[in-house]
Amino acid sequence: MLTQARMALGELLVEQGREDEAIPFLQAVVRTELANGSVDDEVKRAARVLRRIRGISE
């Protein structure tokens, strides 16, 4: 639930043009990758948003 809340807040901040404030929330989502290397949808989405903020193409 915390991961979903961080993702929602990060996306909301990005939509408002507040990318600098969104980055820590999105990074926290990315850090939730499971120890076995599996990744859930929020992690993938957060990584895509972070790449977009930083101007890195997919």
N, C-alpha and C. Protein backbone atom coordinates (compact mmCIF):
# COMPACT_ATOMS: atom_id res chain seq x y z
N MET A 1 0.82 -1.18 0.00
CA MET A 1 0.00 0.00 0.00
C MET A 1 0.87 1.26 0.00
N LEU A 2 1.95 1.24 0.77
CA LEU A 2 2.85 2.39 0.82
C LEU A 2 3.48 2.65 -0.55
N THR A 3 3.84 1.60 -1.24
CA THR A 3 4.42 1.75 -2.58
C THR A 3 3.43 2.40 -3.52
N GLN A 4 2.18 2.00 -3.47
CA GLN A 4 1.16 2.58 -4.33
C GLN A 4 0.94 4.05 -4.00
N ALA A 5 0.97 4.40 -2.72
CA ALA A 5 0.80 5.79 -2.31
C ALA A 5 1.97 6.65 -2.79
N ARG A 6 3.18 6.13 -2.67
CA ARG A 6 4.36 6.87 -3.15
C ARG A 6 4.29 7.07 -4.66
N MET A 7 3.84 6.04 -5.37
CA MET A 7 3.73 6.14 -6.82
C MET A 7 2.70 7.19 -7.21
N ALA A 8 1.56 7.17 -6.56
CA ALA A 8 0.50 8.14 -6.84
C ALA A 8 0.97 9.57 -6.56
N LEU A 9 1.63 9.76 -5.44
CA LEU A 9 2.13 11.09 -5.11
C LEU A 9 3.20 11.53 -6.09
N GLY A 10 4.10 10.64 -6.45
CA GLY A 10 5.14 10.98 -7.43
C GLY A 10 4.55 11.39 -8.76
N GLU A 11 3.58 10.63 -9.24
CA GLU A 11 2.93 10.97 -10.52
C GLU A 11 2.19 12.29 -10.43
N LEU A 12 1.51 12.53 -9.32
CA LEU A 12 0.79 13.78 -9.14
C LEU A 12 1.75 14.97 -9.16
N LEU A 13 2.86 14.85 -8.47
CA LEU A 13 3.84 15.94 -8.46
C LEU A 13 4.41 16.18 -9.85
N VAL A 14 4.66 15.13 -10.60
CA VAL A 14 5.16 15.29 -11.97
C VAL A 14 4.12 16.02 -12.82
N GLU A 15 2.86 15.63 -12.70
CA GLU A 15 1.79 16.28 -13.46
C GLU A 15 1.70 17.76 -13.14
N GLN A 16 2.05 18.13 -11.92
CA GLN A 16 2.01 19.53 -11.50
C GLN A 16 3.30 20.28 -11.84
N GLY A 17 4.23 19.59 -12.51
CA GLY A 17 5.48 20.23 -12.88
C GLY A 17 6.47 20.33 -11.72
N ARG A 18 6.28 19.52 -10.70
CA ARG A 18 7.13 19.57 -9.51
C ARG A 18 8.04 18.34 -9.48
N GLU A 19 8.78 18.15 -10.57
CA GLU A 19 9.61 16.97 -10.74
C GLU A 19 10.62 16.77 -9.62
N ASP A 20 11.26 17.86 -9.18
CA ASP A 20 12.27 17.75 -8.12
C ASP A 20 11.69 17.15 -6.84
N GLU A 21 10.44 17.48 -6.54
CA GLU A 21 9.79 16.93 -5.35
C GLU A 21 9.35 15.49 -5.57
N ALA A 22 9.07 15.13 -6.81
CA ALA A 22 8.59 13.78 -7.13
C ALA A 22 9.70 12.74 -7.09
N ILE A 23 10.91 13.14 -7.42
CA ILE A 23 12.01 12.18 -7.55
C ILE A 23 12.21 11.29 -6.32
N PRO A 24 12.25 11.83 -5.10
CA PRO A 24 12.46 10.94 -3.94
C PRO A 24 11.36 9.88 -3.78
N PHE A 25 10.12 10.24 -4.08
CA PHE A 25 9.02 9.28 -3.97
C PHE A 25 9.15 8.19 -5.03
N LEU A 26 9.49 8.59 -6.25
CA LEU A 26 9.65 7.62 -7.33
C LEU A 26 10.85 6.71 -7.08
N GLN A 27 11.93 7.27 -6.56
CA GLN A 27 13.10 6.46 -6.24
C GLN A 27 12.77 5.44 -5.14
N ALA A 28 11.96 5.84 -4.17
CA ALA A 28 11.56 4.92 -3.11
C ALA A 28 10.76 3.75 -3.69
N VAL A 29 9.94 4.03 -4.70
CA VAL A 29 9.18 2.96 -5.36
C VAL A 29 10.14 2.01 -6.06
N VAL A 30 11.11 2.55 -6.78
CA VAL A 30 12.06 1.71 -7.50
C VAL A 30 12.85 0.82 -6.53
N ARG A 31 13.15 1.33 -5.36
CA ARG A 31 13.90 0.56 -4.37
C ARG A 31 13.10 -0.60 -3.79
N THR A 32 11.81 -0.70 -4.08
CA THR A 32 11.00 -1.79 -3.55
C THR A 32 11.12 -3.06 -4.39
N GLU A 33 11.99 -3.05 -5.40
CA GLU A 33 12.20 -4.26 -6.19
C GLU A 33 12.50 -5.42 -5.25
N LEU A 34 11.88 -6.54 -5.50
CA LEU A 34 12.03 -7.69 -4.61
C LEU A 34 13.45 -8.25 -4.65
N ALA A 35 13.86 -8.84 -3.56
CA ALA A 35 15.22 -9.37 -3.45
C ALA A 35 15.55 -10.40 -4.52
N ASN A 36 14.56 -11.12 -5.00
CA ASN A 36 14.81 -12.13 -6.03
C ASN A 36 14.89 -11.54 -7.42
N GLY A 37 14.79 -10.21 -7.51
CA GLY A 37 14.93 -9.54 -8.80
C GLY A 37 13.62 -9.30 -9.52
N SER A 38 12.52 -9.84 -8.99
CA SER A 38 11.25 -9.60 -9.66
C SER A 38 10.79 -8.17 -9.41
N VAL A 39 10.07 -7.64 -10.38
CA VAL A 39 9.68 -6.24 -10.35
C VAL A 39 8.18 -6.15 -10.60
N ASP A 40 7.48 -5.36 -9.80
CA ASP A 40 6.06 -5.20 -10.03
C ASP A 40 5.77 -3.98 -10.91
N ASP A 41 4.51 -3.79 -11.24
CA ASP A 41 4.13 -2.74 -12.18
C ASP A 41 4.49 -1.34 -11.69
N GLU A 42 4.32 -1.06 -10.39
CA GLU A 42 4.66 0.27 -9.88
C GLU A 42 6.14 0.58 -10.05
N VAL A 43 6.99 -0.43 -9.83
CA VAL A 43 8.43 -0.23 -9.97
C VAL A 43 8.76 0.11 -11.42
N LYS A 44 8.19 -0.62 -12.34
CA LYS A 44 8.44 -0.36 -13.76
C LYS A 44 7.94 1.03 -14.15
N ARG A 45 6.75 1.38 -13.68
CA ARG A 45 6.19 2.69 -14.01
C ARG A 45 7.03 3.82 -13.42
N ALA A 46 7.46 3.65 -12.17
CA ALA A 46 8.29 4.67 -11.53
C ALA A 46 9.60 4.85 -12.28
N ALA A 47 10.20 3.75 -12.71
CA ALA A 47 11.46 3.83 -13.46
C ALA A 47 11.25 4.58 -14.77
N ARG A 48 10.13 4.33 -15.44
CA ARG A 48 9.84 5.05 -16.70
C ARG A 48 9.68 6.54 -16.45
N VAL A 49 8.97 6.91 -15.39
CA VAL A 49 8.76 8.33 -15.08
C VAL A 49 10.09 8.99 -14.74
N LEU A 50 10.92 8.32 -13.96
CA LEU A 50 12.24 8.87 -13.62
C LEU A 50 13.09 9.08 -14.87
N ARG A 51 13.07 8.13 -15.78
CA ARG A 51 13.82 8.29 -17.03
C ARG A 51 13.30 9.49 -17.81
N ARG A 52 11.98 9.64 -17.86
CA ARG A 52 11.39 10.77 -18.60
C ARG A 52 11.80 12.09 -17.97
N ILE A 53 11.77 12.17 -16.63
CA ILE A 53 12.16 13.39 -15.93
C ILE A 53 13.61 13.75 -16.27
N ARG A 54 14.45 12.74 -16.32
CA ARG A 54 15.88 12.96 -16.56
C ARG A 54 16.22 13.07 -18.04
N GLY A 55 15.22 12.95 -18.91
CA GLY A 55 15.45 13.10 -20.34
C GLY A 55 16.11 11.90 -21.00
N ILE A 56 15.96 10.74 -20.37
CA ILE A 56 16.56 9.51 -20.92
C ILE A 56 15.48 8.80 -21.73
N SER A 57 15.80 8.49 -22.98
CA SER A 57 14.81 7.82 -23.82
C SER A 57 14.65 6.37 -23.38
N GLU A 58 13.48 5.83 -23.68
CA GLU A 58 13.18 4.45 -23.25
C GLU A 58 13.73 3.43 -24.16
